[in-house]
Amino acid sequence: MEAGGQRRRWENCWIALCISFLLGISQQVSSQIRYLIPEEVKEGTSLGNIAKDLGLEVSSLADRQFRIVSGSKEELFQINQENGILYVHKKIDRESVCAGSGVCMVNLKTVIENPLEIHYVEVEISDINDHSPSFPDKEQCLRISENTLPGAAYQLQAAGDPDSGTNSVRFYKLSPNDHFEIRVRESDEDKVPFLVLKKAVDREIATTYKLVLNAVDGGNPPRSGSLNIAITILDINDNHPVFSRETYSVTLQENCITGTVVIRVNATDMDEGSNSDIEYSFATLNRKVHEIFELDKVTGEIRVKGKVDFEDAEVYKLDIQASDKGHPPMSANCRVVIKIIDVNDNRPEIEITSLSKNILEDSKPGTVISLISVTDKDAGINGKVICQLNKNIPFELKPSFKDNMYSLLTKDRLDRETHSHYEITITASDLGQPSLTASTTLSVQISDVNDNAPEFPINPLDLYLMENNAAGSSIISVSASDRDTAENSMISYHIIRGDGSQNDLSSFLNINSETGVICSLKSFDFETLKTSHFHVLATDSGTPSLSSNVTVNVFILDQNDNVPVILYPVSANGSAEGVEEIPRNVNAGHLVTKVRAYDADIGYNGWLLFSLQEFRDHSLFGLDRYTGQIRTLRSFTETDEAQHKLLILVKDNGNISLSATATVIVIVVEPKEAFAASDVKNAVKDEEENNVTFYLIITLGSVSVLFIISIIVLIVMQCSKSTDYSSKYLQDTNYDGTLCHSIQYRSGDKRYMLVGPRMSIGSTIVSGSNGNTLVIPDRRRRDSGEVRITD
């Protein structure tokens, strides 16, 4: 927004040039311009191009640091140094910047350097109608007597408006009513409203008046604020008490107890305070009435004081007077007619004609359980009886063609496992006033039928069984439950026989039909069978019998029961003995030979270590304990013997270590002899190595086939049951002088992995199955129960 127009800019530029010329010696220039902007404009709104208005070069504003150095505390305005526009930096509220209704002016001081110039800018903030008139309080209360004469005036709160000029309060408006009007008295700049009574009020017609006074300003559009006016009308004693009825009629049963409330008379007085306080009293002179009834003077309740007998009087007539406490008091009278009626003093009687105490749970709805008759000695309506049963039971009463005769029937299907016993309460109530009741309770027992099959709590079960278990020993116990009772819940167990395949365990197991304890008839070998499963059938003794089965997955665990087998060296007669010839001139580290061995066990039970047992010169040969390689530790000398016998011990890492030995005879020959005999030796050695290679290939092939079969079995088992109940054997075969194995299995909420790692020469291994077992955390939730591992 450009404040002064084109002419204003030329005038400002001329003034700026004059002042700059007069003060040029001191290199300081000052000038002043003025802008006008309304309040509440958006941030970023332009007031005008101050650089052009001051005649400054826009391109030099940033270099000369053109800025505002003083003004409002909240930095309402900023200068854009790129284009010289003065814009609104923060939203402006005129009422918070300038108090009062006068002109709101913000003075800004701007500075530009090189040379230094000071310019003063005045920004006038014009008012907009952004505030509504408001009263000091939300509500004003007035108290006016009902005998006040019209014309009385009551001063009300004046409304205030932060806006100025025409945007301030202009007039007041009162909500429409018949008794009050508004008048305004102007004092200086204030407009004070007065509430004037224009028509007399009557408290008995209206005790309070709720009016709304609106204050409206002169804005466009106008805004308004409201004041709630609560007027309370004060009372005078100008009304008689009035009974709710002139005549009250009531019936009263004979033989009612003393203190029984017969009726409560009620009189009201339209006055208030003591003018409306009422006292009740008897206006009847009959002495008999005073002997039988009494009257509460405050509440108006008539109660029984003596004996009420229908034979003495059938009707009583009482006159009641109500008086207020005004000055002078005012009173009114009414009549109460009391009719005495005969009472219902005989209770119904219930008779059970027939009853079936035991009901089969498979009884169809509508089966008759009992016949019931009900009698009442009273006559008329007092002798009419209604019968009903207690709630939430599968039974109902069916009325007969004859009055007060009922049949008790089944309404829904019965389930003994949910409710085996019912207490049926029959309640008979007559139609007298008040009604009398009688009740009796029938006990019905629900008999069981065989409608529930046995249930296993966990299905399937996982069994981890150590190999070489004792034949005839128990390996697991299964248990099922049946919700039926007696013979229907007696369970017998049987093993479902399989197809007799190699992995079928059912033919080697026996189960106790009563306890569910399963025994093995043979000892199992991990190297022959690793995983299998069988099914157990649970059958109850009901007629007809019901059954269910559970799958038991069996995982055989390995024991150290296989002795290491020497694959090389092997002599012609089958003994583990070999002869190796090496030249005398070999250097240290020369590979003499390599002892090869295999263990059928897995994990640490199949992890083999090599060691020299009988050897004279320990400085000449060295044996790698993990690979079985024999190497020279130094060069041969003239004093070294020509033949060396090495006894190699091969043992596994089981808890009870098993071992085997091999003998290697090393013959040291002269280089020429070694070359001469090399052809003959190579021919023999080739034949031996071919035999060894053949055996090794057969062994590796067998292990590979066994591994593939295990993987296939595990995949089939994984597809046939939930992942949470799976247990896997993962077998790896590595060959580096030793056939090593690893296996993973699950126990409880943990997984274990037995490994035979390839380790470097010089590593230290602590033997024992537990010391080298890796425990792998298993975060998957496992819902199956605990299964014991049997040795």
Foldseek 3Di string as FASTA:
>chain_A
DEAPPPVLLVVLCVVQVVQCVVPVVVLETEEEEEFEEAAQDDFFAFRHQVCSSNVHDLVCQVVQVKWWDDKDPVCQWTADSNRRTITGHDGGDQCVQDFDADWRKIKIWIWTPPPTYIYIYIYTYAYALPWAWEFPDQEDEAEAALPDDFFDKAWDTFIFTRYHDQSTWDDKAKDDDDFWDWDWDDDDPTTTIIITGHDGHDCLVPQKDWMKMKTWGRHVVIHIYIHIYIYGYAFDQDWAKAKPDQEAEFEAEFPDDFFAWGDATDIFTSTDDQSTQKFKDWPDPDVVCVQFWDAHRRGRTITGHDGDDCVVDQKDKTKMKMWGRHVVIHIDIHIYIYGYDYFLDWEKDKDWPDADQEAELQDDWFDWGTKMAIFTPDDDQQTQKDKFKDPDAQWGWDDDPDGRIITITGRHGGDCLVPQKDWIKMKMWTRTVVIHIDIDIHIHGYAYALDWAWAFPDAAAEFEAEFPFDAFDWRFAGDTFTSTDDQSTQKFKDWDFDPPDQQGQRVQWDAGRRGRTIGGRDTGACLRYAKHKTKMKIWTRGVVIHIDIHIYIYGYDYALDWAKAWLPPADPVGAQEEEFEDEQADFFFAWGDATFIETSTAFQSTQKFKDWDDWDDPQFWDAQGRQRTITGHGHHDPPDDQKTKTKMWMWGQEPPIHIDIHIYIYGYDHPVVCVVCVVVVVVVVVVSVVVSVVVVVVVVVVVVVVQVVQVVVLVVVPVVDPPLNGWHWHWDFDDRSYTHIKTWTDADQKIKMRGRDRDDGPDDDDGYRVVRIDIDGHPDDHDGDHHDYYD
